[in-house]
């Protein structure tokens, strides 16, 4: 089960932030999301690949499923650079929309509104 730990952590991040989607509407704008996440992911993936090649950075195989992408980057690490920023964007957009959501919500003392 240890080999799934990293993937389960990433799945947990998605699961925790998924309920934010109805108000954040991030997944409904995939092009905008890609423009926000992909450039940064590419930079960090390259940085990771350089650190791995220089033996400055490594991953414990116990916590990996064993799929390695080009440049020796584990699958989980590549997914990390996509999933965590997506979760961050979801959270940011949900918080940014919170004032308008709260304005539309009926006050408990106003039945039938």
PDB file of N, CA and C in Angstrom:
ATOM      1  N   UNK A   1       0.823  -1.204   0.000  1.00  0.00           N
ATOM      2  CA  UNK A   1       0.000   0.000   0.000  1.00  0.00           C
ATOM      3  C   UNK A   1       0.862   1.261   0.000  1.00  0.00           C
ATOM      4  N   UNK A   2       2.074   1.160   0.520  1.00  0.00           N
ATOM      5  CA  UNK A   2       2.953   2.330   0.554  1.00  0.00           C
ATOM      6  C   UNK A   2       3.195   2.915  -0.840  1.00  0.00           C
ATOM      7  N   UNK A   3       3.262   2.042  -1.861  1.00  0.00           N
ATOM      8  CA  UNK A   3       3.560   2.522  -3.210  1.00  0.00           C
ATOM      9  C   UNK A   3       2.450   3.416  -3.770  1.00  0.00           C
ATOM     10  N   UNK A   4       1.287   3.420  -3.154  1.00  0.00           N
ATOM     11  CA  UNK A   4       0.184   4.274  -3.599  1.00  0.00           C
ATOM     12  C   UNK A   4       0.049   5.549  -2.777  1.00  0.00           C
ATOM     13  N   UNK A   5       0.903   5.714  -1.782  1.00  0.00           N
ATOM     14  CA  UNK A   5       0.747   6.826  -0.839  1.00  0.00           C
ATOM     15  C   UNK A   5       0.742   8.194  -1.536  1.00  0.00           C
ATOM     16  N   UNK A   6       1.696   8.429  -2.430  1.00  0.00           N
ATOM     17  CA  UNK A   6       1.788   9.725  -3.121  1.00  0.00           C
ATOM     18  C   UNK A   6       0.529   9.954  -3.957  1.00  0.00           C
ATOM     19  N   UNK A   7       0.107   8.932  -4.697  1.00  0.00           N
ATOM     20  CA  UNK A   7      -1.096   9.073  -5.525  1.00  0.00           C
ATOM     21  C   UNK A   7      -2.341   9.289  -4.672  1.00  0.00           C
ATOM     22  N   UNK A   8      -2.426   8.598  -3.546  1.00  0.00           N
ATOM     23  CA  UNK A   8      -3.576   8.784  -2.660  1.00  0.00           C
ATOM     24  C   UNK A   8      -3.611  10.187  -2.069  1.00  0.00           C
ATOM     25  N   UNK A   9      -2.461  10.721  -1.755  1.00  0.00           N
ATOM     26  CA  UNK A   9      -2.390  12.094  -1.259  1.00  0.00           C
ATOM     27  C   UNK A   9      -2.891  13.077  -2.320  1.00  0.00           C
ATOM     28  N   UNK A  10      -2.477  12.870  -3.559  1.00  0.00           N
ATOM     29  CA  UNK A  10      -2.935  13.742  -4.650  1.00  0.00           C
ATOM     30  C   UNK A  10      -4.441  13.586  -4.878  1.00  0.00           C
ATOM     31  N   UNK A  11      -4.918  12.354  -4.807  1.00  0.00           N
ATOM     32  CA  UNK A  11      -6.370  12.119  -4.949  1.00  0.00           C
ATOM     33  C   UNK A  11      -7.128  12.804  -3.813  1.00  0.00           C
ATOM     34  N   UNK A  12      -6.553  12.775  -2.621  1.00  0.00           N
ATOM     35  CA  UNK A  12      -7.179  13.454  -1.487  1.00  0.00           C
ATOM     36  C   UNK A  12      -7.268  14.958  -1.707  1.00  0.00           C
ATOM     37  N   UNK A  13      -6.218  15.539  -2.272  1.00  0.00           N
ATOM     38  CA  UNK A  13      -6.245  16.979  -2.579  1.00  0.00           C
ATOM     39  C   UNK A  13      -7.390  17.298  -3.539  1.00  0.00           C
ATOM     40  N   UNK A  14      -7.539  16.478  -4.563  1.00  0.00           N
ATOM     41  CA  UNK A  14      -8.635  16.696  -5.514  1.00  0.00           C
ATOM     42  C   UNK A  14      -9.989  16.500  -4.841  1.00  0.00           C
ATOM     43  N   UNK A  15     -10.105  15.480  -4.027  1.00  0.00           N
ATOM     44  CA  UNK A  15     -11.387  15.192  -3.372  1.00  0.00           C
ATOM     45  C   UNK A  15     -11.802  16.314  -2.421  1.00  0.00           C
ATOM     46  N   UNK A  16     -10.840  16.867  -1.706  1.00  0.00           N
ATOM     47  CA  UNK A  16     -11.148  17.925  -0.739  1.00  0.00           C
ATOM     48  C   UNK A  16     -11.577  19.213  -1.436  1.00  0.00           C
ATOM     49  N   UNK A  17     -10.991  19.495  -2.581  1.00  0.00           N
ATOM     50  CA  UNK A  17     -11.314  20.754  -3.274  1.00  0.00           C
ATOM     51  C   UNK A  17     -12.437  20.614  -4.295  1.00  0.00           C
ATOM     52  N   UNK A  18     -12.796  19.409  -4.671  1.00  0.00           N
ATOM     53  CA  UNK A  18     -13.855  19.217  -5.669  1.00  0.00           C
ATOM     54  C   UNK A  18     -15.175  19.884  -5.295  1.00  0.00           C
ATOM     55  N   UNK A  19     -15.599  19.856  -4.036  1.00  0.00           N
ATOM     56  CA  UNK A  19     -16.855  20.538  -3.696  1.00  0.00           C
ATOM     57  C   UNK A  19     -16.827  22.054  -3.936  1.00  0.00           C
ATOM     58  N   UNK A  20     -15.657  22.622  -4.153  1.00  0.00           N
ATOM     59  CA  UNK A  20     -15.562  24.060  -4.424  1.00  0.00           C
ATOM     60  C   UNK A  20     -15.943  24.395  -5.866  1.00  0.00           C
ATOM     61  N   UNK A  21     -15.941  23.403  -6.740  1.00  0.00           N
ATOM     62  CA  UNK A  21     -16.164  23.649  -8.171  1.00  0.00           C
ATOM     63  C   UNK A  21     -17.491  24.338  -8.490  1.00  0.00           C
ATOM     64  N   UNK A  22     -18.615  23.984  -7.878  1.00  0.00           N
ATOM     65  CA  UNK A  22     -19.850  24.667  -8.262  1.00  0.00           C
ATOM     66  C   UNK A  22     -19.797  26.188  -8.116  1.00  0.00           C
ATOM     67  N   UNK A  23     -19.103  26.687  -7.113  1.00  0.00           N
ATOM     68  CA  UNK A  23     -18.997  28.142  -6.979  1.00  0.00           C
ATOM     69  C   UNK A  23     -17.772  28.689  -7.698  1.00  0.00           C
ATOM     70  N   UNK A  24     -16.696  27.911  -7.773  1.00  0.00           N
ATOM     71  CA  UNK A  24     -15.460  28.416  -8.384  1.00  0.00           C
ATOM     72  C   UNK A  24     -15.505  28.366  -9.909  1.00  0.00           C
ATOM     73  N   UNK A  25     -16.174  27.380 -10.453  1.00  0.00           N
ATOM     74  CA  UNK A  25     -16.292  27.198 -11.912  1.00  0.00           C
ATOM     75  C   UNK A  25     -14.950  27.172 -12.618  1.00  0.00           C
ATOM     76  N   UNK A  26     -13.995  26.464 -12.074  1.00  0.00           N
ATOM     77  CA  UNK A  26     -12.654  26.377 -12.643  1.00  0.00           C
ATOM     78  C   UNK A  26     -12.603  25.334 -13.757  1.00  0.00           C
ATOM     79  N   UNK A  27     -13.203  24.183 -13.527  1.00  0.00           N
ATOM     80  CA  UNK A  27     -13.159  23.116 -14.531  1.00  0.00           C
ATOM     81  C   UNK A  27     -13.981  23.464 -15.769  1.00  0.00           C
ATOM     82  N   UNK A  28     -14.876  24.424 -15.649  1.00  0.00           N
ATOM     83  CA  UNK A  28     -15.693  24.835 -16.797  1.00  0.00           C
ATOM     84  C   UNK A  28     -14.924  25.736 -17.757  1.00  0.00           C
ATOM     85  N   UNK A  29     -13.733  26.143 -17.336  1.00  0.00           N
ATOM     86  CA  UNK A  29     -12.889  27.005 -18.181  1.00  0.00           C
ATOM     87  C   UNK A  29     -11.514  26.357 -18.330  1.00  0.00           C
ATOM     88  N   UNK A  30     -11.449  25.229 -19.048  1.00  0.00           N
ATOM     89  CA  UNK A  30     -10.196  24.464 -19.119  1.00  0.00           C
ATOM     90  C   UNK A  30      -9.043  25.218 -19.783  1.00  0.00           C
ATOM     91  N   UNK A  31      -9.330  26.053 -20.760  1.00  0.00           N
ATOM     92  CA  UNK A  31      -8.260  26.800 -21.415  1.00  0.00           C
ATOM     93  C   UNK A  31      -7.613  27.783 -20.445  1.00  0.00           C
ATOM     94  N   UNK A  32      -8.434  28.463 -19.705  1.00  0.00           N
ATOM     95  CA  UNK A  32      -7.913  29.421 -18.716  1.00  0.00           C
ATOM     96  C   UNK A  32      -7.105  28.696 -17.638  1.00  0.00           C
ATOM     97  N   UNK A  33      -7.610  27.559 -17.192  1.00  0.00           N
ATOM     98  CA  UNK A  33      -6.910  26.774 -16.187  1.00  0.00           C
ATOM     99  C   UNK A  33      -5.565  26.291 -16.717  1.00  0.00           C
ATOM    100  N   UNK A  34      -5.553  25.801 -17.940  1.00  0.00           N
ATOM    101  CA  UNK A  34      -4.298  25.328 -18.548  1.00  0.00           C
ATOM    102  C   UNK A  34      -3.284  26.456 -18.673  1.00  0.00           C
ATOM    103  N   UNK A  35      -3.748  27.632 -19.050  1.00  0.00           N
ATOM    104  CA  UNK A  35      -2.816  28.777 -19.169  1.00  0.00           C
ATOM    105  C   UNK A  35      -2.241  29.172 -17.819  1.00  0.00           C
ATOM    106  N   UNK A  36      -2.967  28.912 -16.749  1.00  0.00           N
ATOM    107  CA  UNK A  36      -2.477  29.246 -15.412  1.00  0.00           C
ATOM    108  C   UNK A  36      -1.534  28.179 -14.870  1.00  0.00           C
ATOM    109  N   UNK A  37      -1.796  26.919 -15.168  1.00  0.00           N
ATOM    110  CA  UNK A  37      -1.071  25.821 -14.534  1.00  0.00           C
ATOM    111  C   UNK A  37       0.101  25.299 -15.371  1.00  0.00           C
ATOM    112  N   UNK A  38      -0.093  25.128 -16.663  1.00  0.00           N
ATOM    113  CA  UNK A  38       0.915  24.455 -17.481  1.00  0.00           C
ATOM    114  C   UNK A  38       2.276  25.156 -17.554  1.00  0.00           C
ATOM    115  N   UNK A  39       2.349  26.474 -17.741  1.00  0.00           N
ATOM    116  CA  UNK A  39       3.686  27.080 -17.811  1.00  0.00           C
ATOM    117  C   UNK A  39       4.516  26.858 -16.550  1.00  0.00           C
ATOM    118  N   UNK A  40       3.886  26.969 -15.409  1.00  0.00           N
ATOM    119  CA  UNK A  40       4.590  26.766 -14.149  1.00  0.00           C
ATOM    120  C   UNK A  40       4.969  25.296 -13.990  1.00  0.00           C
ATOM    121  N   UNK A  41       4.069  24.390 -14.371  1.00  0.00           N
ATOM    122  CA  UNK A  41       4.352  22.955 -14.274  1.00  0.00           C
ATOM    123  C   UNK A  41       5.554  22.577 -15.130  1.00  0.00           C
ATOM    124  N   UNK A  42       5.641  23.126 -16.323  1.00  0.00           N
ATOM    125  CA  UNK A  42       6.767  22.828 -17.211  1.00  0.00           C
ATOM    126  C   UNK A  42       8.084  23.277 -16.581  1.00  0.00           C
ATOM    127  N   UNK A  43       8.095  24.479 -16.011  1.00  0.00           N
ATOM    128  CA  UNK A  43       9.309  24.990 -15.373  1.00  0.00           C
ATOM    129  C   UNK A  43       9.721  24.089 -14.210  1.00  0.00           C
ATOM    130  N   UNK A  44       8.790  23.731 -13.360  1.00  0.00           N
ATOM    131  CA  UNK A  44       9.132  22.907 -12.200  1.00  0.00           C
ATOM    132  C   UNK A  44       9.487  21.475 -12.594  1.00  0.00           C
ATOM    133  N   UNK A  45       8.865  20.944 -13.636  1.00  0.00           N
ATOM    134  CA  UNK A  45       9.257  19.617 -14.112  1.00  0.00           C
ATOM    135  C   UNK A  45      10.689  19.627 -14.634  1.00  0.00           C
ATOM    136  N   UNK A  46      11.041  20.677 -15.355  1.00  0.00           N
ATOM    137  CA  UNK A  46      12.422  20.801 -15.846  1.00  0.00           C
ATOM    138  C   UNK A  46      13.388  20.929 -14.671  1.00  0.00           C
ATOM    139  N   UNK A  47      13.021  21.737 -13.707  1.00  0.00           N
ATOM    140  CA  UNK A  47      13.850  21.923 -12.517  1.00  0.00           C
ATOM    141  C   UNK A  47      14.035  20.579 -11.794  1.00  0.00           C
ATOM    142  N   UNK A  48      12.957  19.841 -11.646  1.00  0.00           N
ATOM    143  CA  UNK A  48      13.026  18.528 -11.015  1.00  0.00           C
ATOM    144  C   UNK A  48      13.945  17.592 -11.786  1.00  0.00           C
ATOM    145  N   UNK A  49      13.804  17.575 -13.109  1.00  0.00           N
ATOM    146  CA  UNK A  49      14.632  16.696 -13.943  1.00  0.00           C
ATOM    147  C   UNK A  49      16.117  17.028 -13.781  1.00  0.00           C
ATOM    148  N   UNK A  50      16.447  18.289 -13.722  1.00  0.00           N
ATOM    149  CA  UNK A  50      17.842  18.698 -13.538  1.00  0.00           C
ATOM    150  C   UNK A  50      18.337  18.253 -12.163  1.00  0.00           C
ATOM    151  N   UNK A  51      17.533  18.453 -11.138  1.00  0.00           N
ATOM    152  CA  UNK A  51      17.927  18.058  -9.779  1.00  0.00           C
ATOM    153  C   UNK A  51      18.091  16.545  -9.668  1.00  0.00           C
ATOM    154  N   UNK A  52      17.235  15.785 -10.343  1.00  0.00           N
ATOM    155  CA  UNK A  52      17.345  14.325 -10.322  1.00  0.00           C
ATOM    156  C   UNK A  52      18.617  13.888 -11.043  1.00  0.00           C
ATOM    157  N   UNK A  53      18.871  14.482 -12.198  1.00  0.00           N
ATOM    158  CA  UNK A  53      20.068  14.133 -12.972  1.00  0.00           C
ATOM    159  C   UNK A  53      21.351  14.468 -12.206  1.00  0.00           C
ATOM    160  N   UNK A  54      21.321  15.554 -11.440  1.00  0.00           N
ATOM    161  CA  UNK A  54      22.498  15.964 -10.663  1.00  0.00           C
ATOM    162  C   UNK A  54      22.577  15.219  -9.324  1.00  0.00           C
ATOM    163  N   UNK A  55      21.624  14.341  -9.088  1.00  0.00           N
ATOM    164  CA  UNK A  55      21.549  13.569  -7.844  1.00  0.00           C
ATOM    165  C   UNK A  55      21.433  14.454  -6.599  1.00  0.00           C
ATOM    166  N   UNK A  56      20.802  15.600  -6.791  1.00  0.00           N
ATOM    167  CA  UNK A  56      20.508  16.496  -5.674  1.00  0.00           C
ATOM    168  C   UNK A  56      19.163  16.115  -5.069  1.00  0.00           C
ATOM    169  N   UNK A  57      18.308  15.547  -5.888  1.00  0.00           N
ATOM    170  CA  UNK A  57      16.944  15.221  -5.498  1.00  0.00           C
ATOM    171  C   UNK A  57      16.648  13.790  -5.901  1.00  0.00           C
ATOM    172  N   UNK A  58      15.917  13.076  -5.068  1.00  0.00           N
ATOM    173  CA  UNK A  58      15.550  11.702  -5.391  1.00  0.00           C
ATOM    174  C   UNK A  58      14.208  11.383  -4.743  1.00  0.00           C
ATOM    175  N   UNK A  59      13.632  10.265  -5.139  1.00  0.00           N
ATOM    176  CA  UNK A  59      12.338   9.835  -4.620  1.00  0.00           C
ATOM    177  C   UNK A  59      12.475   8.421  -4.081  1.00  0.00           C
ATOM    178  N   UNK A  60      11.878   8.180  -2.946  1.00  0.00           N
ATOM    179  CA  UNK A  60      11.904   6.851  -2.344  1.00  0.00           C
ATOM    180  C   UNK A  60      10.974   5.948  -3.144  1.00  0.00           C
ATOM    181  N   UNK A  61      11.494   4.904  -3.765  1.00  0.00           N
ATOM    182  CA  UNK A  61      10.664   4.026  -4.596  1.00  0.00           C
ATOM    183  C   UNK A  61       9.533   3.340  -3.818  1.00  0.00           C
ATOM    184  N   UNK A  62       9.644   3.288  -2.496  1.00  0.00           N
ATOM    185  CA  UNK A  62       8.573   2.677  -1.689  1.00  0.00           C
ATOM    186  C   UNK A  62       7.243   3.385  -1.881  1.00  0.00           C
ATOM    187  N   UNK A  63       7.294   4.692  -2.181  1.00  0.00           N
ATOM    188  CA  UNK A  63       6.076   5.505  -2.250  1.00  0.00           C
ATOM    189  C   UNK A  63       5.652   5.811  -3.681  1.00  0.00           C
ATOM    190  N   UNK A  64       6.225   5.130  -4.645  1.00  0.00           N
ATOM    191  CA  UNK A  64       5.935   5.389  -6.051  1.00  0.00           C
ATOM    192  C   UNK A  64       5.376   4.127  -6.712  1.00  0.00           C
ATOM    193  N   UNK A  65       4.568   4.316  -7.742  1.00  0.00           N
ATOM    194  CA  UNK A  65       4.017   3.156  -8.453  1.00  0.00           C
ATOM    195  C   UNK A  65       5.014   2.564  -9.436  1.00  0.00           C
ATOM    196  N   UNK A  66       6.084   3.281  -9.726  1.00  0.00           N
ATOM    197  CA  UNK A  66       7.127   2.747 -10.594  1.00  0.00           C
ATOM    198  C   UNK A  66       7.096   3.244 -12.021  1.00  0.00           C
ATOM    199  N   UNK A  67       6.180   4.152 -12.341  1.00  0.00           N
ATOM    200  CA  UNK A  67       6.129   4.724 -13.690  1.00  0.00           C
ATOM    201  C   UNK A  67       7.018   5.964 -13.712  1.00  0.00           C
ATOM    202  N   UNK A  68       8.007   5.942 -14.602  1.00  0.00           N
ATOM    203  CA  UNK A  68       8.919   7.071 -14.717  1.00  0.00           C
ATOM    204  C   UNK A  68       8.746   7.709 -16.085  1.00  0.00           C
ATOM    205  N   UNK A  69       8.571   8.999 -16.087  1.00  0.00           N
ATOM    206  CA  UNK A  69       8.420   9.749 -17.326  1.00  0.00           C
ATOM    207  C   UNK A  69       9.795  10.079 -17.886  1.00  0.00           C
ATOM    208  N   UNK A  70       9.857  10.597 -19.099  1.00  0.00           N
ATOM    209  CA  UNK A  70      11.158  11.009 -19.631  1.00  0.00           C
ATOM    210  C   UNK A  70      11.870  11.969 -18.666  1.00  0.00           C
ATOM    211  N   UNK A  71      13.157  11.944 -18.702  1.00  0.00           N
ATOM    212  CA  UNK A  71      14.023  12.745 -17.837  1.00  0.00           C
ATOM    213  C   UNK A  71      13.976  12.265 -16.385  1.00  0.00           C
ATOM    214  N   UNK A  72      13.560  11.013 -16.181  1.00  0.00           N
ATOM    215  CA  UNK A  72      13.580  10.355 -14.859  1.00  0.00           C
ATOM    216  C   UNK A  72      12.647  10.962 -13.826  1.00  0.00           C
ATOM    217  N   UNK A  73      11.615  11.639 -14.253  1.00  0.00           N
ATOM    218  CA  UNK A  73      10.647  12.227 -13.320  1.00  0.00           C
ATOM    219  C   UNK A  73       9.547  11.198 -13.061  1.00  0.00           C
ATOM    220  N   UNK A  74       9.304  10.861 -11.790  1.00  0.00           N
ATOM    221  CA  UNK A  74       8.227   9.910 -11.485  1.00  0.00           C
ATOM    222  C   UNK A  74       6.851  10.481 -11.852  1.00  0.00           C
ATOM    223  N   UNK A  75       5.955   9.597 -12.226  1.00  0.00           N
ATOM    224  CA  UNK A  75       4.593   9.989 -12.593  1.00  0.00           C
ATOM    225  C   UNK A  75       3.952  10.839 -11.506  1.00  0.00           C
ATOM    226  N   UNK A  76       4.112  10.422 -10.258  1.00  0.00           N
ATOM    227  CA  UNK A  76       3.484  11.140  -9.148  1.00  0.00           C
ATOM    228  C   UNK A  76       3.968  12.585  -9.061  1.00  0.00           C
ATOM    229  N   UNK A  77       5.244  12.794  -9.349  1.00  0.00           N
ATOM    230  CA  UNK A  77       5.784  14.151  -9.272  1.00  0.00           C
ATOM    231  C   UNK A  77       5.211  15.030 -10.377  1.00  0.00           C
ATOM    232  N   UNK A  78       5.077  14.476 -11.567  1.00  0.00           N
ATOM    233  CA  UNK A  78       4.462  15.228 -12.665  1.00  0.00           C
ATOM    234  C   UNK A  78       3.017  15.570 -12.321  1.00  0.00           C
ATOM    235  N   UNK A  79       2.296  14.616 -11.762  1.00  0.00           N
ATOM    236  CA  UNK A  79       0.913  14.875 -11.370  1.00  0.00           C
ATOM    237  C   UNK A  79       0.840  15.919 -10.258  1.00  0.00           C
ATOM    238  N   UNK A  80       1.813  15.899  -9.355  1.00  0.00           N
ATOM    239  CA  UNK A  80       1.858  16.886  -8.279  1.00  0.00           C
ATOM    240  C   UNK A  80       1.879  18.301  -8.852  1.00  0.00           C
ATOM    241  N   UNK A  81       2.695  18.512  -9.886  1.00  0.00           N
ATOM    242  CA  UNK A  81       2.817  19.844 -10.473  1.00  0.00           C
ATOM    243  C   UNK A  81       1.583  20.262 -11.260  1.00  0.00           C
ATOM    244  N   UNK A  82       0.674  19.349 -11.482  1.00  0.00           N
ATOM    245  CA  UNK A  82      -0.601  19.687 -12.116  1.00  0.00           C
ATOM    246  C   UNK A  82      -1.725  19.778 -11.084  1.00  0.00           C
ATOM    247  N   UNK A  83      -1.807  18.796 -10.212  1.00  0.00           N
ATOM    248  CA  UNK A  83      -2.940  18.701  -9.284  1.00  0.00           C
ATOM    249  C   UNK A  83      -2.906  19.769  -8.202  1.00  0.00           C
ATOM    250  N   UNK A  84      -1.769  19.984  -7.582  1.00  0.00           N
ATOM    251  CA  UNK A  84      -1.708  20.967  -6.490  1.00  0.00           C
ATOM    252  C   UNK A  84      -2.028  22.380  -7.000  1.00  0.00           C
ATOM    253  N   UNK A  85      -1.484  22.812  -8.136  1.00  0.00           N
ATOM    254  CA  UNK A  85      -1.900  24.128  -8.625  1.00  0.00           C
ATOM    255  C   UNK A  85      -3.385  24.201  -8.998  1.00  0.00           C
ATOM    256  N   UNK A  86      -3.937  23.135  -9.541  1.00  0.00           N
ATOM    257  CA  UNK A  86      -5.366  23.133  -9.854  1.00  0.00           C
ATOM    258  C   UNK A  86      -6.177  23.286  -8.567  1.00  0.00           C
ATOM    259  N   UNK A  87      -5.783  22.577  -7.522  1.00  0.00           N
ATOM    260  CA  UNK A  87      -6.469  22.698  -6.235  1.00  0.00           C
ATOM    261  C   UNK A  87      -6.327  24.111  -5.671  1.00  0.00           C
ATOM    262  N   UNK A  88      -5.164  24.703  -5.864  1.00  0.00           N
ATOM    263  CA  UNK A  88      -4.944  26.074  -5.393  1.00  0.00           C
ATOM    264  C   UNK A  88      -5.824  27.059  -6.163  1.00  0.00           C
ATOM    265  N   UNK A  89      -5.933  26.881  -7.466  1.00  0.00           N
ATOM    266  CA  UNK A  89      -6.781  27.763  -8.277  1.00  0.00           C
ATOM    267  C   UNK A  89      -8.246  27.592  -7.876  1.00  0.00           C
ATOM    268  N   UNK A  90      -8.662  26.353  -7.653  1.00  0.00           N
ATOM    269  CA  UNK A  90     -10.033  26.104  -7.190  1.00  0.00           C
ATOM    270  C   UNK A  90     -10.309  26.837  -5.884  1.00  0.00           C
ATOM    271  N   UNK A  91      -9.383  26.719  -4.950  1.00  0.00           N
ATOM    272  CA  UNK A  91      -9.556  27.376  -3.656  1.00  0.00           C
ATOM    273  C   UNK A  91      -9.585  28.890  -3.814  1.00  0.00           C
ATOM    274  N   UNK A  92      -8.663  29.427  -4.588  1.00  0.00           N
ATOM    275  CA  UNK A  92      -8.614  30.877  -4.810  1.00  0.00           C
ATOM    276  C   UNK A  92      -9.908  31.393  -5.425  1.00  0.00           C
ATOM    277  N   UNK A  93     -10.377  30.722  -6.456  1.00  0.00           N
ATOM    278  CA  UNK A  93     -11.599  31.170  -7.125  1.00  0.00           C
ATOM    279  C   UNK A  93     -12.814  31.054  -6.203  1.00  0.00           C
ATOM    280  N   UNK A  94     -12.862  30.011  -5.400  1.00  0.00           N
ATOM    281  CA  UNK A  94     -13.980  29.863  -4.462  1.00  0.00           C
ATOM    282  C   UNK A  94     -13.967  30.988  -3.432  1.00  0.00           C
ATOM    283  N   UNK A  95     -12.804  31.326  -2.930  1.00  0.00           N
ATOM    284  CA  UNK A  95     -12.698  32.408  -1.944  1.00  0.00           C
ATOM    285  C   UNK A  95     -13.011  33.753  -2.600  1.00  0.00           C
ATOM    286  N   UNK A  96     -12.563  33.942  -3.827  1.00  0.00           N
ATOM    287  CA  UNK A  96     -12.849  35.205  -4.522  1.00  0.00           C
ATOM    288  C   UNK A  96     -14.336  35.393  -4.758  1.00  0.00           C
ATOM    289  N   UNK A  97     -15.067  34.310  -4.986  1.00  0.00           N
ATOM    290  CA  UNK A  97     -16.508  34.385  -5.256  1.00  0.00           C
ATOM    291  C   UNK A  97     -17.350  34.350  -3.990  1.00  0.00           C
ATOM    292  N   UNK A  98     -16.735  34.097  -2.873  1.00  0.00           N
ATOM    293  CA  UNK A  98     -17.475  33.960  -1.618  1.00  0.00           C
ATOM    294  C   UNK A  98     -18.348  35.162  -1.292  1.00  0.00           C
ATOM    295  N   UNK A  99     -17.868  36.413  -1.414  1.00  0.00           N
ATOM    296  CA  UNK A  99     -18.752  37.549  -1.102  1.00  0.00           C
ATOM    297  C   UNK A  99     -20.036  37.556  -1.937  1.00  0.00           C
ATOM    298  N   UNK A 100     -19.953  37.245  -3.219  1.00  0.00           N
ATOM    299  CA  UNK A 100     -21.165  37.256  -4.042  1.00  0.00           C
ATOM    300  C   UNK A 100     -22.082  36.087  -3.687  1.00  0.00           C
ATOM    301  N   UNK A 101     -21.516  34.950  -3.330  1.00  0.00           N
ATOM    302  CA  UNK A 101     -22.330  33.806  -2.911  1.00  0.00           C
ATOM    303  C   UNK A 101     -23.048  34.134  -1.615  1.00  0.00           C
ATOM    304  N   UNK A 102     -22.354  34.778  -0.695  1.00  0.00           N
ATOM    305  CA  UNK A 102     -22.970  35.133   0.588  1.00  0.00           C
ATOM    306  C   UNK A 102     -24.063  36.182   0.407  1.00  0.00           C
ATOM    307  N   UNK A 103     -23.879  37.109  -0.530  1.00  0.00           N
ATOM    308  CA  UNK A 103     -24.913  38.124  -0.778  1.00  0.00           C
ATOM    309  C   UNK A 103     -26.189  37.496  -1.308  1.00  0.00           C
ATOM    310  N   UNK A 104     -26.078  36.426  -2.091  1.00  0.00           N
ATOM    311  CA  UNK A 104     -27.249  35.787  -2.688  1.00  0.00           C
ATOM    312  C   UNK A 104     -27.948  34.840  -1.730  1.00  0.00           C
ATOM    313  N   UNK A 105     -27.251  34.379  -0.718  1.00  0.00           N
ATOM    314  CA  UNK A 105     -27.843  33.418   0.213  1.00  0.00           C
ATOM    315  C   UNK A 105     -28.905  34.107   1.071  1.00  0.00           C
ATOM    316  N   UNK A 106     -30.058  33.462   1.237  1.00  0.00           N
ATOM    317  CA  UNK A 106     -31.090  34.057   2.084  1.00  0.00           C
ATOM    318  C   UNK A 106     -30.652  34.061   3.547  1.00  0.00           C
ATOM    319  N   UNK A 107     -31.014  35.092   4.223  1.00  0.00           N
ATOM    320  CA  UNK A 107     -30.718  35.188   5.650  1.00  0.00           C
ATOM    321  C   UNK A 107     -31.664  34.254   6.391  1.00  0.00           C
ATOM    322  N   UNK A 108     -31.194  33.574   7.455  1.00  0.00           N
ATOM    323  CA  UNK A 108     -32.070  32.630   8.173  1.00  0.00           C
ATOM    324  C   UNK A 108     -33.345  33.289   8.727  1.00  0.00           C
ATOM    325  N   UNK A 109     -33.321  34.592   8.968  1.00  0.00           N
ATOM    326  CA  UNK A 109     -34.497  35.251   9.509  1.00  0.00           C
ATOM    327  C   UNK A 109     -35.490  35.665   8.405  1.00  0.00           C
ATOM    328  N   UNK A 110     -35.185  35.361   7.153  1.00  0.00           N
ATOM    329  CA  UNK A 110     -36.058  35.725   6.033  1.00  0.00           C
ATOM    330  C   UNK A 110     -36.636  34.448   5.388  1.00  0.00           C
ATOM    331  N   UNK A 111     -37.654  33.856   5.984  1.00  0.00           N
ATOM    332  CA  UNK A 111     -38.228  32.637   5.399  1.00  0.00           C
ATOM    333  C   UNK A 111     -38.960  32.970   4.085  1.00  0.00           C
ATOM    334  N   UNK A 112     -38.890  32.007   3.186  1.00  0.00           N
ATOM    335  CA  UNK A 112     -39.607  32.176   1.937  1.00  0.00           C
ATOM    336  C   UNK A 112     -38.934  33.067   0.910  1.00  0.00           C
ATOM    337  N   UNK A 113     -37.812  33.554   1.194  1.00  0.00           N
ATOM    338  CA  UNK A 113     -37.127  34.408   0.221  1.00  0.00           C
ATOM    339  C   UNK A 113     -36.540  33.607  -0.878  1.00  0.00           C
TER     340      UNK A 113
END
